[in-house]
Amino acid sequence: MAIVNAGQIGLYEDIPADLLQHVEDIIFDRRPDATERMVAFAETVKGTGMKREVDLSWRGGRSRNARARARPRIDDFIEEDTEEARTRYERPLE
């Protein structure tokens, strides 16, 4: 079992026929050489991968509260932001 985001799952009907055949051969154990065939098929569809570009424009020139709301991940820059808050405010509840 897995936790999935249903909005990111493609439709079964949209899977290319050649890929679907290889996947179903593995899942349903249709062929003894299904794994080897999938590895060979995967070699034919290799791409360059995805390049992750990070936009840090939200960090500059904003107040701490605005930065906190704009953060892409909760733990990005946590040490820097915590230290800034520690030096800026007298009491932790501030």
Protein backbone atom coordinates (compact mmCIF):
# COMPACT_ATOMS: atom_id res chain seq x y z
CA MET A 1 0.00 0.00 0.00
CA ALA A 2 1.08 3.57 -0.55
CA ILE A 3 -0.07 7.10 0.02
CA VAL A 4 -0.53 8.82 -3.31
CA ASN A 5 -1.69 12.14 -4.65
CA ALA A 6 -4.55 11.16 -6.94
CA GLY A 7 -4.18 14.40 -8.88
CA GLN A 8 -0.74 13.30 -10.06
CA ILE A 9 -1.73 9.84 -11.24
CA GLY A 10 -2.07 9.43 -14.98
CA LEU A 11 -4.99 7.62 -16.51
CA TYR A 12 -4.50 3.95 -17.29
CA GLU A 13 -5.71 4.54 -20.84
CA ASP A 14 -3.02 7.20 -21.35
CA ILE A 15 -0.10 4.83 -20.73
CA PRO A 16 1.66 4.10 -24.04
CA ALA A 17 0.81 0.60 -25.28
CA ASP A 18 4.43 -0.61 -25.44
CA LEU A 19 5.12 0.50 -21.87
CA LEU A 20 1.82 -0.92 -20.63
CA GLN A 21 2.63 -4.32 -22.13
CA HIS A 22 5.97 -4.46 -20.34
CA VAL A 23 4.52 -3.31 -17.03
CA GLU A 24 1.62 -5.75 -17.13
CA ASP A 25 3.99 -8.59 -18.01
CA ILE A 26 5.84 -7.89 -14.76
CA ILE A 27 2.79 -7.24 -12.56
CA PHE A 28 0.84 -10.26 -13.75
CA ASP A 29 3.92 -12.50 -14.07
CA ARG A 30 3.05 -13.32 -17.69
CA ARG A 31 6.57 -14.03 -18.92
CA PRO A 32 9.64 -15.44 -17.24
CA ASP A 33 11.81 -12.83 -19.00
CA ALA A 34 9.58 -9.85 -18.17
CA THR A 35 12.18 -8.11 -16.00
CA GLU A 36 14.93 -8.41 -18.60
CA ARG A 37 12.56 -7.13 -21.28
CA MET A 38 11.61 -4.15 -19.12
CA VAL A 39 15.27 -3.29 -18.51
CA ALA A 40 15.94 -3.46 -22.26
CA PHE A 41 12.88 -1.30 -22.93
CA ALA A 42 13.96 1.23 -20.30
CA GLU A 43 17.30 1.64 -22.09
CA THR A 44 15.42 2.84 -25.18
CA VAL A 45 13.49 5.57 -23.38
CA LYS A 46 16.18 7.15 -21.24
CA GLY A 47 15.93 10.90 -21.07
CA THR A 48 18.11 13.65 -19.77
CA GLY A 49 16.16 13.91 -16.54
CA MET A 50 14.57 16.89 -14.93
CA LYS A 51 16.57 19.88 -13.81
CA ARG A 52 15.36 21.46 -10.61
CA GLU A 53 15.65 25.22 -10.59
CA VAL A 54 15.28 26.91 -7.24
CA ASP A 55 13.73 30.38 -7.11
CA LEU A 56 15.05 32.16 -4.03
CA SER A 57 13.55 35.55 -4.86
CA TRP A 58 11.06 35.12 -2.01
CA ARG A 59 13.92 35.37 0.51
CA GLY A 60 15.09 38.88 -0.26
CA GLY A 61 13.44 42.12 0.84
CA ARG A 62 10.46 40.63 2.62
CA SER A 63 9.52 40.61 6.24
CA ARG A 64 10.03 37.43 8.20
CA ASN A 65 6.28 36.73 8.25
CA ALA A 66 5.98 37.10 4.49
CA ARG A 67 8.96 34.79 4.01
CA ALA A 68 7.42 32.18 6.30
CA ARG A 69 4.24 32.10 4.21
CA ALA A 70 6.14 31.94 0.91
CA ARG A 71 8.47 29.11 1.86
CA PRO A 72 8.58 26.22 -0.61
CA ARG A 73 9.46 23.72 2.13
CA ILE A 74 9.19 24.02 5.89
CA ASP A 75 12.84 23.09 6.53
CA ASP A 76 14.53 25.21 3.86
CA PHE A 77 16.67 27.84 5.58
CA ILE A 78 15.33 26.83 9.00
CA GLU A 79 18.59 27.56 10.81
CA GLU A 80 19.07 30.99 9.23
CA ASP A 81 15.46 32.03 9.84
CA THR A 82 15.48 30.75 13.41
CA GLU A 83 18.67 32.63 14.20
CA GLU A 84 17.26 35.79 12.64
CA ALA A 85 14.11 35.50 14.74
CA ARG A 86 16.14 34.81 17.89
CA THR A 87 18.19 37.97 17.47
CA ARG A 88 15.29 40.15 16.33
CA TYR A 89 12.82 39.48 19.15
CA GLU A 90 13.26 39.66 22.91
CA ARG A 91 10.74 36.98 23.81
CA PRO A 92 10.09 33.66 22.00
CA LEU A 93 6.34 34.32 21.74
CA GLU A 94 7.00 37.43 19.68
